[in-house]
Amino acid sequence: MANQKEIARRAGVSVSVVSAVVNGTSHTRMSDETRAKVEAVIAAVGYVPNDAARALRLQRSGTIAVVLDKLDNPVYHELIHGLYEAAEERGWAVVLGDTNWMRSGSQFLARLLGLGSIDGIVLRQEHLIDERVMAMLTQRRTPVVLLGGRDEPEGRWLSIDDFEAGRVAAGHLIELGHRDVGYVGGRWGISTDERYRGYREAMVAAGLQPRPPLKSGYGLEGGAAGMAELLAGPHLPTGLVVNNVMAAVGLVGVARDAGIAMPERLSVIGLHDADVAAHARPSLTTVRLPMDRLGALAIEQIALLLDGGQPRFGVIHDPAPEIIVRGSTAPPSH
């Protein structure tokens, strides 16, 4: 079977270029034409890299741990897709874990921290994991990239543009003619605060009075609780920005049970998009956020950290949040 030296000879490139293509590393510069030529030779000779030997040589396991809160959350579908696709390109395996199991002394944590068992960790934080566990993770040599953890000491975090998501969601309702728009859902953390700040900026820019955030929680129950609280209040707005799509589904269910016509009496837009949004009644207008891009970039930064490259952290502005218009928003009836 051909080795990398033979592939380099046939493609007319150096062995280091072949190695970069095989290993999915980005620190070796090459043109798209050169990469395509190397890939064509690899396919022609049927080359299969010896992952075991490479792992031994690099002292790596080829496994990345991804730890999220509530793995069954539909919002994570695109995120996990992006993570897996980027890992697959590098020949890496992905181990999924839930933050509910990330407790001091847990066996799952022990396996994560086991010598040589994990090459890197992608972790959803935002105060979901206690400080002792975070200290154990960050003190080790295994690179950790946080999703949404903007207060991470070393600055190794990535986040979608929560501020812009809140701003465009409120802007959509304002453009439809709504003048009384509320904000529901979430509880604590930078994501909720940034989304509300975006909502508030859109309202103020339009000369409208923002409502205080009704932080009723996350998921179906959070949205349902928020709607119940609004119904018990003195005045129902004509439009609502909801912190996440699942909370929006719960909110719409309670509103329908209360006999509120949607979108005629109440327009609702949820942040994030998920398959369930199209199947709600009415179908939910949402703000699609680049969760697949977030996952892919997290893996890319782990790779750069392992290879001694220069990772890029911060807020992802491209692609920008996108409004997906469905049946739950319309101009207010007068």
C-alpha atoms as a PDB file:
ATOM      1  CA  MET A   1       0.000   0.000   0.000  1.00  0.00           C
ATOM      2  CA  ALA A   2       1.246   3.493  -0.863  1.00  0.00           C
ATOM      3  CA  ASN A   3       2.569   5.676   1.930  1.00  0.00           C
ATOM      4  CA  GLN A   4       2.666   9.454   2.251  1.00  0.00           C
ATOM      5  CA  LYS A   5       6.086   9.645   0.584  1.00  0.00           C
ATOM      6  CA  GLU A   6       4.752   7.866  -2.500  1.00  0.00           C
ATOM      7  CA  ILE A   7       1.664  10.103  -2.588  1.00  0.00           C
ATOM      8  CA  ALA A   8       3.919  13.175  -2.413  1.00  0.00           C
ATOM      9  CA  ARG A   9       5.990  11.871  -5.339  1.00  0.00           C
ATOM     10  CA  ARG A  10       2.938  11.221  -7.502  1.00  0.00           C
ATOM     11  CA  ALA A  11       1.341  14.577  -6.678  1.00  0.00           C
ATOM     12  CA  GLY A  12       4.587  16.505  -7.074  1.00  0.00           C
ATOM     13  CA  VAL A  13       4.429  18.028  -3.590  1.00  0.00           C
ATOM     14  CA  SER A  14       6.300  17.696  -0.319  1.00  0.00           C
ATOM     15  CA  VAL A  15       5.504  15.064   2.292  1.00  0.00           C
ATOM     16  CA  SER A  16       4.524  17.855   4.712  1.00  0.00           C
ATOM     17  CA  VAL A  17       1.793  18.972   2.296  1.00  0.00           C
ATOM     18  CA  VAL A  18       0.446  15.415   2.052  1.00  0.00           C
ATOM     19  CA  SER A  19       0.539  15.132   5.854  1.00  0.00           C
ATOM     20  CA  ALA A  20      -1.406  18.383   6.197  1.00  0.00           C
ATOM     21  CA  VAL A  21      -4.122  17.121   3.831  1.00  0.00           C
ATOM     22  CA  VAL A  22      -4.346  13.736   5.552  1.00  0.00           C
ATOM     23  CA  ASN A  23      -4.423  15.183   9.072  1.00  0.00           C
ATOM     24  CA  GLY A  24      -6.732  18.089   8.268  1.00  0.00           C
ATOM     25  CA  THR A  25      -4.338  20.673   9.667  1.00  0.00           C
ATOM     26  CA  SER A  26      -4.447  24.272   8.453  1.00  0.00           C
ATOM     27  CA  HIS A  27      -1.009  25.669   9.330  1.00  0.00           C
ATOM     28  CA  THR A  28       0.566  24.404   6.067  1.00  0.00           C
ATOM     29  CA  ARG A  29      -0.308  26.805   3.267  1.00  0.00           C
ATOM     30  CA  MET A  30      -1.436  25.383  -0.065  1.00  0.00           C
ATOM     31  CA  SER A  31      -3.748  26.319  -2.911  1.00  0.00           C
ATOM     32  CA  ASP A  32      -7.124  24.672  -3.459  1.00  0.00           C
ATOM     33  CA  GLU A  33      -5.670  23.198  -6.656  1.00  0.00           C
ATOM     34  CA  THR A  34      -2.792  21.566  -4.757  1.00  0.00           C
ATOM     35  CA  ARG A  35      -5.123  20.176  -2.099  1.00  0.00           C
ATOM     36  CA  ALA A  36      -7.421  18.760  -4.796  1.00  0.00           C
ATOM     37  CA  LYS A  37      -4.435  17.137  -6.550  1.00  0.00           C
ATOM     38  CA  VAL A  38      -3.261  15.469  -3.340  1.00  0.00           C
ATOM     39  CA  GLU A  39      -6.782  14.279  -2.527  1.00  0.00           C
ATOM     40  CA  ALA A  40      -7.112  12.818  -6.022  1.00  0.00           C
ATOM     41  CA  VAL A  41      -3.878  10.815  -5.615  1.00  0.00           C
ATOM     42  CA  ILE A  42      -4.982   9.626  -2.150  1.00  0.00           C
ATOM     43  CA  ALA A  43      -8.253   8.378  -3.643  1.00  0.00           C
ATOM     44  CA  ALA A  44      -6.490   6.767  -6.621  1.00  0.00           C
ATOM     45  CA  VAL A  45      -4.073   4.723  -4.512  1.00  0.00           C
ATOM     46  CA  GLY A  46      -6.640   3.925  -1.820  1.00  0.00           C
ATOM     47  CA  TYR A  47      -4.481   5.324   0.958  1.00  0.00           C
ATOM     48  CA  VAL A  48      -5.840   4.836   4.489  1.00  0.00           C
ATOM     49  CA  PRO A  49      -3.944   6.644   7.286  1.00  0.00           C
ATOM     50  CA  ASN A  50      -2.725   4.583  10.214  1.00  0.00           C
ATOM     51  CA  ASP A  51      -4.600   6.430  12.935  1.00  0.00           C
ATOM     52  CA  ALA A  52      -3.227   4.228  15.709  1.00  0.00           C
ATOM     53  CA  ALA A  53       0.364   4.911  14.721  1.00  0.00           C
ATOM     54  CA  ARG A  54      -0.310   8.618  14.276  1.00  0.00           C
ATOM     55  CA  ALA A  55      -1.979   8.830  17.680  1.00  0.00           C
ATOM     56  CA  LEU A  56       0.979   7.078  19.300  1.00  0.00           C
ATOM     57  CA  ARG A  57       3.458   9.376  17.542  1.00  0.00           C
ATOM     58  CA  LEU A  58       1.572  12.538  18.476  1.00  0.00           C
ATOM     59  CA  GLN A  59       0.537  11.190  21.885  1.00  0.00           C
ATOM     60  CA  ARG A  60      -3.087  11.817  20.975  1.00  0.00           C
ATOM     61  CA  SER A  61      -6.193   9.697  21.207  1.00  0.00           C
ATOM     62  CA  GLY A  62      -8.106  11.217  18.286  1.00  0.00           C
ATOM     63  CA  THR A  63     -11.117  11.787  20.544  1.00  0.00           C
ATOM     64  CA  ILE A  64     -12.848  15.066  21.421  1.00  0.00           C
ATOM     65  CA  ALA A  65     -15.339  15.426  24.269  1.00  0.00           C
ATOM     66  CA  VAL A  66     -18.378  17.656  23.771  1.00  0.00           C
ATOM     67  CA  VAL A  67     -20.331  18.503  26.915  1.00  0.00           C
ATOM     68  CA  LEU A  68     -23.686  20.295  26.623  1.00  0.00           C
ATOM     69  CA  ASP A  69     -26.674  20.915  28.834  1.00  0.00           C
ATOM     70  CA  LYS A  70     -29.778  18.847  27.977  1.00  0.00           C
ATOM     71  CA  LEU A  71     -28.520  16.927  24.973  1.00  0.00           C
ATOM     72  CA  ASP A  72     -32.114  16.310  23.832  1.00  0.00           C
ATOM     73  CA  ASN A  73     -32.652  20.040  23.253  1.00  0.00           C
ATOM     74  CA  PRO A  74     -33.657  20.410  19.543  1.00  0.00           C
ATOM     75  CA  VAL A  75     -31.695  23.677  19.396  1.00  0.00           C
ATOM     76  CA  TYR A  76     -28.480  21.628  19.558  1.00  0.00           C
ATOM     77  CA  HIS A  77     -29.233  19.582  16.442  1.00  0.00           C
ATOM     78  CA  GLU A  78     -27.345  21.908  14.068  1.00  0.00           C
ATOM     79  CA  LEU A  79     -24.593  22.511  16.622  1.00  0.00           C
ATOM     80  CA  ILE A  80     -23.891  18.789  16.979  1.00  0.00           C
ATOM     81  CA  HIS A  81     -24.023  18.380  13.201  1.00  0.00           C
ATOM     82  CA  GLY A  82     -21.351  21.068  12.802  1.00  0.00           C
ATOM     83  CA  LEU A  83     -19.215  19.496  15.526  1.00  0.00           C
ATOM     84  CA  TYR A  84     -19.395  16.001  14.047  1.00  0.00           C
ATOM     85  CA  GLU A  85     -18.777  17.141  10.480  1.00  0.00           C
ATOM     86  CA  ALA A  86     -15.678  19.144  11.441  1.00  0.00           C
ATOM     87  CA  ALA A  87     -14.373  16.291  13.607  1.00  0.00           C
ATOM     88  CA  GLU A  88     -14.979  13.772  10.824  1.00  0.00           C
ATOM     89  CA  GLU A  89     -12.876  15.862   8.441  1.00  0.00           C
ATOM     90  CA  ARG A  90      -9.958  15.421  10.860  1.00  0.00           C
ATOM     91  CA  GLY A  91     -10.562  11.755  11.554  1.00  0.00           C
ATOM     92  CA  TRP A  92     -11.603  12.462  15.135  1.00  0.00           C
ATOM     93  CA  ALA A  93     -14.194  10.670  17.225  1.00  0.00           C
ATOM     94  CA  VAL A  94     -16.646  12.655  19.377  1.00  0.00           C
ATOM     95  CA  VAL A  95     -17.811  11.695  22.860  1.00  0.00           C
ATOM     96  CA  LEU A  96     -20.990  13.471  23.996  1.00  0.00           C
ATOM     97  CA  GLY A  97     -21.708  14.268  27.638  1.00  0.00           C
ATOM     98  CA  ASP A  98     -24.285  16.221  29.609  1.00  0.00           C
ATOM     99  CA  THR A  99     -23.415  18.964  32.110  1.00  0.00           C
ATOM    100  CA  ASN A 100     -25.738  17.258  34.593  1.00  0.00           C
ATOM    101  CA  TRP A 101     -22.992  14.653  34.961  1.00  0.00           C
ATOM    102  CA  MET A 102     -20.176  17.173  35.281  1.00  0.00           C
ATOM    103  CA  ARG A 103     -19.908  17.100  39.039  1.00  0.00           C
ATOM    104  CA  SER A 104     -16.805  16.882  41.206  1.00  0.00           C
ATOM    105  CA  GLY A 105     -15.839  13.252  41.634  1.00  0.00           C
ATOM    106  CA  SER A 106     -18.098  11.928  38.874  1.00  0.00           C
ATOM    107  CA  GLN A 107     -16.822   9.003  36.820  1.00  0.00           C
ATOM    108  CA  PHE A 108     -17.573  10.894  33.623  1.00  0.00           C
ATOM    109  CA  LEU A 109     -15.358  13.755  34.721  1.00  0.00           C
ATOM    110  CA  ALA A 110     -12.638  11.288  35.714  1.00  0.00           C
ATOM    111  CA  ARG A 111     -12.711   9.755  32.233  1.00  0.00           C
ATOM    112  CA  LEU A 112     -12.540  13.193  30.626  1.00  0.00           C
ATOM    113  CA  LEU A 113      -9.475  14.018  32.652  1.00  0.00           C
ATOM    114  CA  GLY A 114      -7.891  10.600  32.238  1.00  0.00           C
ATOM    115  CA  LEU A 115      -4.355  10.725  30.890  1.00  0.00           C
ATOM    116  CA  GLY A 116      -4.410  10.592  27.101  1.00  0.00           C
ATOM    117  CA  SER A 117      -8.094   9.660  26.791  1.00  0.00           C
ATOM    118  CA  ILE A 118      -9.302  13.021  25.437  1.00  0.00           C
ATOM    119  CA  ASP A 119      -7.461  15.448  23.144  1.00  0.00           C
ATOM    120  CA  GLY A 120      -9.763  18.419  23.692  1.00  0.00           C
ATOM    121  CA  ILE A 121     -13.040  19.466  25.289  1.00  0.00           C
ATOM    122  CA  VAL A 122     -15.836  21.618  23.860  1.00  0.00           C
ATOM    123  CA  LEU A 123     -17.967  22.732  26.758  1.00  0.00           C
ATOM    124  CA  ARG A 124     -21.202  24.669  27.164  1.00  0.00           C
ATOM    125  CA  GLN A 125     -20.682  26.724  30.305  1.00  0.00           C
ATOM    126  CA  GLU A 126     -22.584  29.869  31.395  1.00  0.00           C
ATOM    127  CA  HIS A 127     -22.470  28.876  35.099  1.00  0.00           C
ATOM    128  CA  LEU A 128     -23.777  25.374  34.387  1.00  0.00           C
ATOM    129  CA  ILE A 129     -20.694  23.747  35.938  1.00  0.00           C
ATOM    130  CA  ASP A 130     -19.387  24.485  39.421  1.00  0.00           C
ATOM    131  CA  GLU A 131     -16.125  26.373  39.902  1.00  0.00           C
ATOM    132  CA  ARG A 132     -14.213  23.393  41.285  1.00  0.00           C
ATOM    133  CA  VAL A 133     -14.906  21.333  38.169  1.00  0.00           C
ATOM    134  CA  MET A 134     -13.997  24.230  35.886  1.00  0.00           C
ATOM    135  CA  ALA A 135     -10.716  24.682  37.755  1.00  0.00           C
ATOM    136  CA  MET A 136      -9.900  20.986  37.300  1.00  0.00           C
ATOM    137  CA  LEU A 137     -10.547  21.270  33.572  1.00  0.00           C
ATOM    138  CA  THR A 138      -8.668  24.489  32.871  1.00  0.00           C
ATOM    139  CA  GLN A 139      -5.617  23.544  34.939  1.00  0.00           C
ATOM    140  CA  ARG A 140      -4.849  20.569  32.733  1.00  0.00           C
ATOM    141  CA  ARG A 141      -3.011  20.664  29.430  1.00  0.00           C
ATOM    142  CA  THR A 142      -6.023  19.393  27.494  1.00  0.00           C
ATOM    143  CA  PRO A 143      -7.398  22.390  25.567  1.00  0.00           C
ATOM    144  CA  VAL A 144     -10.908  23.495  26.529  1.00  0.00           C
ATOM    145  CA  VAL A 145     -13.092  25.691  24.311  1.00  0.00           C
ATOM    146  CA  LEU A 146     -16.204  27.155  25.909  1.00  0.00           C
ATOM    147  CA  LEU A 147     -19.439  27.846  24.074  1.00  0.00           C
ATOM    148  CA  GLY A 148     -20.979  31.031  25.435  1.00  0.00           C
ATOM    149  CA  GLY A 149     -18.477  31.321  28.307  1.00  0.00           C
ATOM    150  CA  ARG A 150     -17.396  34.903  27.751  1.00  0.00           C
ATOM    151  CA  ASP A 151     -15.986  35.186  31.269  1.00  0.00           C
ATOM    152  CA  GLU A 152     -13.540  32.310  30.715  1.00  0.00           C
ATOM    153  CA  PRO A 153     -10.179  33.467  32.178  1.00  0.00           C
ATOM    154  CA  GLU A 154      -8.044  32.616  29.126  1.00  0.00           C
ATOM    155  CA  GLY A 155     -10.597  33.987  26.672  1.00  0.00           C
ATOM    156  CA  ARG A 156     -11.080  30.635  24.922  1.00  0.00           C
ATOM    157  CA  TRP A 157     -14.756  31.029  24.096  1.00  0.00           C
ATOM    158  CA  LEU A 158     -17.031  31.193  21.086  1.00  0.00           C
ATOM    159  CA  SER A 159     -20.563  32.549  20.933  1.00  0.00           C
ATOM    160  CA  ILE A 160     -23.299  33.231  18.445  1.00  0.00           C
ATOM    161  CA  ASP A 161     -24.350  36.881  18.166  1.00  0.00           C
ATOM    162  CA  ASP A 162     -27.019  36.931  20.885  1.00  0.00           C
ATOM    163  CA  PHE A 163     -27.270  40.714  20.840  1.00  0.00           C
ATOM    164  CA  GLU A 164     -28.018  40.815  17.122  1.00  0.00           C
ATOM    165  CA  ALA A 165     -30.498  37.957  17.487  1.00  0.00           C
ATOM    166  CA  GLY A 166     -32.546  39.946  20.005  1.00  0.00           C
ATOM    167  CA  ARG A 167     -32.263  43.096  17.931  1.00  0.00           C
ATOM    168  CA  VAL A 168     -33.475  41.600  14.651  1.00  0.00           C
ATOM    169  CA  ALA A 169     -36.272  39.688  16.389  1.00  0.00           C
ATOM    170  CA  ALA A 170     -37.671  42.864  17.915  1.00  0.00           C
ATOM    171  CA  GLY A 171     -37.003  44.704  14.660  1.00  0.00           C
ATOM    172  CA  HIS A 172     -39.140  42.196  12.744  1.00  0.00           C
ATOM    173  CA  LEU A 173     -42.132  42.884  14.992  1.00  0.00           C
ATOM    174  CA  ILE A 174     -41.554  46.634  14.874  1.00  0.00           C
ATOM    175  CA  GLU A 175     -41.430  46.573  11.064  1.00  0.00           C
ATOM    176  CA  LEU A 176     -44.799  44.801  11.070  1.00  0.00           C
ATOM    177  CA  GLY A 177     -46.227  47.746  13.005  1.00  0.00           C
ATOM    178  CA  HIS A 178     -46.152  46.495  16.593  1.00  0.00           C
ATOM    179  CA  ARG A 179     -45.620  49.215  19.181  1.00  0.00           C
ATOM    180  CA  ASP A 180     -46.052  47.201  22.383  1.00  0.00           C
ATOM    181  CA  VAL A 181     -43.518  44.370  22.300  1.00  0.00           C
ATOM    182  CA  GLY A 182     -42.440  42.301  25.289  1.00  0.00           C
ATOM    183  CA  TYR A 183     -39.525  39.974  26.023  1.00  0.00           C
ATOM    184  CA  VAL A 184     -40.113  36.555  27.627  1.00  0.00           C
ATOM    185  CA  GLY A 185     -37.920  33.616  28.646  1.00  0.00           C
ATOM    186  CA  GLY A 186     -34.472  32.808  29.902  1.00  0.00           C
ATOM    187  CA  ARG A 187     -33.318  33.310  33.423  1.00  0.00           C
ATOM    188  CA  TRP A 188     -29.666  34.213  33.929  1.00  0.00           C
ATOM    189  CA  GLY A 189     -26.465  34.289  31.971  1.00  0.00           C
ATOM    190  CA  ILE A 190     -24.800  36.340  29.295  1.00  0.00           C
ATOM    191  CA  SER A 191     -26.889  34.911  26.442  1.00  0.00           C
ATOM    192  CA  THR A 192     -30.195  36.051  27.940  1.00  0.00           C
ATOM    193  CA  ASP A 193     -28.759  39.426  28.915  1.00  0.00           C
ATOM    194  CA  GLU A 194     -27.328  40.012  25.442  1.00  0.00           C
ATOM    195  CA  ARG A 195     -30.559  39.006  23.712  1.00  0.00           C
ATOM    196  CA  TYR A 196     -32.568  41.329  25.904  1.00  0.00           C
ATOM    197  CA  ARG A 197     -30.060  44.121  25.276  1.00  0.00           C
ATOM    198  CA  GLY A 198     -30.551  43.670  21.532  1.00  0.00           C
ATOM    199  CA  TYR A 199     -34.339  43.750  21.965  1.00  0.00           C
ATOM    200  CA  ARG A 200     -34.053  46.884  24.063  1.00  0.00           C
ATOM    201  CA  GLU A 201     -31.857  48.672  21.515  1.00  0.00           C
ATOM    202  CA  ALA A 202     -34.326  47.966  18.703  1.00  0.00           C
ATOM    203  CA  MET A 203     -37.203  49.326  20.791  1.00  0.00           C
ATOM    204  CA  VAL A 204     -35.360  52.482  21.840  1.00  0.00           C
ATOM    205  CA  ALA A 205     -34.127  53.105  18.281  1.00  0.00           C
ATOM    206  CA  ALA A 206     -37.759  52.988  17.118  1.00  0.00           C
ATOM    207  CA  GLY A 207     -38.833  55.436  19.825  1.00  0.00           C
ATOM    208  CA  LEU A 208     -40.717  52.732  21.725  1.00  0.00           C
ATOM    209  CA  GLN A 209     -40.775  51.821  25.405  1.00  0.00           C
ATOM    210  CA  PRO A 210     -39.129  48.448  26.104  1.00  0.00           C
ATOM    211  CA  ARG A 211     -40.761  46.233  28.694  1.00  0.00           C
ATOM    212  CA  PRO A 212     -38.707  44.734  31.531  1.00  0.00           C
ATOM    213  CA  PRO A 213     -37.596  41.156  30.735  1.00  0.00           C
ATOM    214  CA  LEU A 214     -39.933  38.462  31.997  1.00  0.00           C
ATOM    215  CA  LYS A 215     -37.331  35.806  32.845  1.00  0.00           C
ATOM    216  CA  SER A 216     -39.628  32.836  33.227  1.00  0.00           C
ATOM    217  CA  GLY A 217     -37.097  30.122  32.402  1.00  0.00           C
ATOM    218  CA  TYR A 218     -36.123  27.917  29.489  1.00  0.00           C
ATOM    219  CA  GLY A 219     -37.850  25.236  27.471  1.00  0.00           C
ATOM    220  CA  LEU A 220     -41.545  24.455  27.162  1.00  0.00           C
ATOM    221  CA  GLU A 221     -42.224  25.032  30.854  1.00  0.00           C
ATOM    222  CA  GLY A 222     -40.481  28.399  30.856  1.00  0.00           C
ATOM    223  CA  GLY A 223     -42.517  29.663  27.930  1.00  0.00           C
ATOM    224  CA  ALA A 224     -45.766  28.366  29.417  1.00  0.00           C
ATOM    225  CA  ALA A 225     -45.004  30.045  32.756  1.00  0.00           C
ATOM    226  CA  GLY A 226     -44.199  33.300  31.012  1.00  0.00           C
ATOM    227  CA  MET A 227     -47.465  33.337  29.094  1.00  0.00           C
ATOM    228  CA  ALA A 228     -49.428  32.534  32.250  1.00  0.00           C
ATOM    229  CA  GLU A 229     -47.781  35.482  34.000  1.00  0.00           C
ATOM    230  CA  LEU A 230     -48.582  37.805  31.098  1.00  0.00           C
ATOM    231  CA  LEU A 231     -52.215  36.688  31.117  1.00  0.00           C
ATOM    232  CA  ALA A 232     -52.418  37.486  34.824  1.00  0.00           C
ATOM    233  CA  GLY A 233     -51.044  40.980  34.233  1.00  0.00           C
ATOM    234  CA  PRO A 234     -52.926  44.176  33.416  1.00  0.00           C
ATOM    235  CA  HIS A 235     -52.041  44.514  29.747  1.00  0.00           C
ATOM    236  CA  LEU A 236     -51.023  41.966  27.126  1.00  0.00           C
ATOM    237  CA  PRO A 237     -48.593  43.244  24.455  1.00  0.00           C
ATOM    238  CA  THR A 238     -49.312  42.692  20.772  1.00  0.00           C
ATOM    239  CA  GLY A 239     -45.910  41.155  20.098  1.00  0.00           C
ATOM    240  CA  LEU A 240     -43.443  38.977  21.986  1.00  0.00           C
ATOM    241  CA  VAL A 241     -39.786  38.151  21.542  1.00  0.00           C
ATOM    242  CA  VAL A 242     -39.189  34.772  23.211  1.00  0.00           C
ATOM    243  CA  ASN A 243     -35.694  33.820  24.421  1.00  0.00           C
ATOM    244  CA  ASN A 244     -35.631  30.473  22.594  1.00  0.00           C
ATOM    245  CA  VAL A 245     -37.767  28.461  20.227  1.00  0.00           C
ATOM    246  CA  MET A 246     -38.761  25.776  22.734  1.00  0.00           C
ATOM    247  CA  ALA A 247     -39.994  28.388  25.198  1.00  0.00           C
ATOM    248  CA  ALA A 248     -41.942  29.922  22.309  1.00  0.00           C
ATOM    249  CA  VAL A 249     -43.659  26.582  21.632  1.00  0.00           C
ATOM    250  CA  GLY A 250     -44.718  26.333  25.278  1.00  0.00           C
ATOM    251  CA  LEU A 251     -45.902  29.935  25.279  1.00  0.00           C
ATOM    252  CA  VAL A 252     -48.009  29.500  22.135  1.00  0.00           C
ATOM    253  CA  GLY A 253     -49.715  26.437  23.623  1.00  0.00           C
ATOM    254  CA  VAL A 254     -50.899  28.368  26.702  1.00  0.00           C
ATOM    255  CA  ALA A 255     -51.984  31.316  24.553  1.00  0.00           C
ATOM    256  CA  ARG A 256     -54.072  29.050  22.322  1.00  0.00           C
ATOM    257  CA  ASP A 257     -55.694  27.402  25.351  1.00  0.00           C
ATOM    258  CA  ALA A 258     -56.595  30.893  26.591  1.00  0.00           C
ATOM    259  CA  GLY A 259     -58.349  31.656  23.308  1.00  0.00           C
ATOM    260  CA  ILE A 260     -55.894  34.297  22.119  1.00  0.00           C
ATOM    261  CA  ALA A 261     -55.940  34.669  18.344  1.00  0.00           C
ATOM    262  CA  MET A 262     -52.472  34.350  16.844  1.00  0.00           C
ATOM    263  CA  PRO A 263     -51.065  36.207  15.060  1.00  0.00           C
ATOM    264  CA  GLU A 264     -54.028  38.599  14.900  1.00  0.00           C
ATOM    265  CA  ARG A 265     -54.020  39.489  18.603  1.00  0.00           C
ATOM    266  CA  LEU A 266     -50.543  38.301  19.530  1.00  0.00           C
ATOM    267  CA  SER A 267     -47.459  37.836  17.319  1.00  0.00           C
ATOM    268  CA  VAL A 268     -44.644  35.635  18.614  1.00  0.00           C
ATOM    269  CA  ILE A 269     -41.066  35.221  17.399  1.00  0.00           C
ATOM    270  CA  GLY A 270     -38.627  32.741  18.965  1.00  0.00           C
ATOM    271  CA  LEU A 271     -34.847  32.887  18.990  1.00  0.00           C
ATOM    272  CA  HIS A 272     -33.153  29.849  17.399  1.00  0.00           C
ATOM    273  CA  ASP A 273     -34.764  27.625  14.815  1.00  0.00           C
ATOM    274  CA  ALA A 274     -35.694  23.965  15.096  1.00  0.00           C
ATOM    275  CA  ASP A 275     -37.854  21.489  13.202  1.00  0.00           C
ATOM    276  CA  VAL A 276     -40.577  21.778  15.827  1.00  0.00           C
ATOM    277  CA  ALA A 277     -41.137  25.432  14.872  1.00  0.00           C
ATOM    278  CA  ALA A 278     -42.685  24.479  11.536  1.00  0.00           C
ATOM    279  CA  HIS A 279     -45.058  22.021  13.228  1.00  0.00           C
ATOM    280  CA  ALA A 280     -46.389  24.326  15.946  1.00  0.00           C
ATOM    281  CA  ARG A 281     -49.807  25.906  15.407  1.00  0.00           C
ATOM    282  CA  PRO A 282     -49.464  28.547  14.280  1.00  0.00           C
ATOM    283  CA  SER A 283     -46.077  27.710  12.809  1.00  0.00           C
ATOM    284  CA  LEU A 284     -43.428  29.775  14.563  1.00  0.00           C
ATOM    285  CA  THR A 285     -41.479  32.645  13.094  1.00  0.00           C
ATOM    286  CA  THR A 286     -37.925  32.256  14.359  1.00  0.00           C
ATOM    287  CA  VAL A 287     -34.429  33.725  14.216  1.00  0.00           C
ATOM    288  CA  ARG A 288     -32.068  31.160  12.762  1.00  0.00           C
ATOM    289  CA  LEU A 289     -28.611  31.342  14.325  1.00  0.00           C
ATOM    290  CA  PRO A 290     -25.418  29.770  12.925  1.00  0.00           C
ATOM    291  CA  MET A 291     -25.226  26.859  15.342  1.00  0.00           C
ATOM    292  CA  ASP A 292     -23.585  24.545  12.792  1.00  0.00           C
ATOM    293  CA  ARG A 293     -20.895  27.166  12.214  1.00  0.00           C
ATOM    294  CA  LEU A 294     -20.418  27.474  15.982  1.00  0.00           C
ATOM    295  CA  GLY A 295     -19.802  23.731  16.251  1.00  0.00           C
ATOM    296  CA  ALA A 296     -17.399  23.630  13.317  1.00  0.00           C
ATOM    297  CA  LEU A 297     -15.399  26.593  14.638  1.00  0.00           C
ATOM    298  CA  ALA A 298     -15.119  25.025  18.084  1.00  0.00           C
ATOM    299  CA  ILE A 299     -13.468  21.942  16.572  1.00  0.00           C
ATOM    300  CA  GLU A 300     -11.256  24.150  14.420  1.00  0.00           C
ATOM    301  CA  GLN A 301      -9.997  26.036  17.473  1.00  0.00           C
ATOM    302  CA  ILE A 302      -9.227  22.773  19.292  1.00  0.00           C
ATOM    303  CA  ALA A 303      -7.191  21.692  16.253  1.00  0.00           C
ATOM    304  CA  LEU A 304      -5.289  24.978  16.194  1.00  0.00           C
ATOM    305  CA  LEU A 305      -4.529  24.769  19.909  1.00  0.00           C
ATOM    306  CA  LEU A 306      -3.230  21.213  19.516  1.00  0.00           C
ATOM    307  CA  ASP A 307      -1.076  22.153  16.524  1.00  0.00           C
ATOM    308  CA  GLY A 308       0.354  25.324  18.068  1.00  0.00           C
ATOM    309  CA  GLY A 309      -1.569  27.605  15.704  1.00  0.00           C
ATOM    310  CA  GLN A 310      -3.310  30.895  16.393  1.00  0.00           C
ATOM    311  CA  PRO A 311      -6.946  30.238  17.355  1.00  0.00           C
ATOM    312  CA  ARG A 312      -9.639  32.884  16.855  1.00  0.00           C
ATOM    313  CA  PHE A 313     -12.195  33.293  19.609  1.00  0.00           C
ATOM    314  CA  GLY A 314     -15.139  35.623  20.214  1.00  0.00           C
ATOM    315  CA  VAL A 315     -18.581  36.326  18.778  1.00  0.00           C
ATOM    316  CA  ILE A 316     -19.518  34.821  15.404  1.00  0.00           C
ATOM    317  CA  HIS A 317     -20.927  37.594  13.228  1.00  0.00           C
ATOM    318  CA  ASP A 318     -20.945  35.723   9.915  1.00  0.00           C
ATOM    319  CA  PRO A 319     -23.383  34.370   8.971  1.00  0.00           C
ATOM    320  CA  ALA A 320     -25.697  36.873  10.620  1.00  0.00           C
ATOM    321  CA  PRO A 321     -28.953  35.895  12.362  1.00  0.00           C
ATOM    322  CA  GLU A 322     -31.705  35.251   9.819  1.00  0.00           C
ATOM    323  CA  ILE A 323     -35.458  35.752  10.220  1.00  0.00           C
ATOM    324  CA  ILE A 324     -37.495  32.694   9.170  1.00  0.00           C
ATOM    325  CA  VAL A 325     -41.006  34.048   8.658  1.00  0.00           C
ATOM    326  CA  ARG A 326     -43.842  31.623   9.405  1.00  0.00           C
ATOM    327  CA  GLY A 327     -47.386  31.943  10.659  1.00  0.00           C
ATOM    328  CA  SER A 328     -46.949  33.354  14.169  1.00  0.00           C
ATOM    329  CA  THR A 329     -46.192  36.972  13.196  1.00  0.00           C
ATOM    330  CA  ALA A 330     -48.305  39.496  11.322  1.00  0.00           C
ATOM    331  CA  PRO A 331     -49.247  43.184  11.558  1.00  0.00           C
ATOM    332  CA  PRO A 332     -51.319  43.921  14.672  1.00  0.00           C
ATOM    333  CA  SER A 333     -55.095  44.043  14.230  1.00  0.00           C
ATOM    334  CA  HIS A 334     -56.736  47.326  15.131  1.00  0.00           C
END
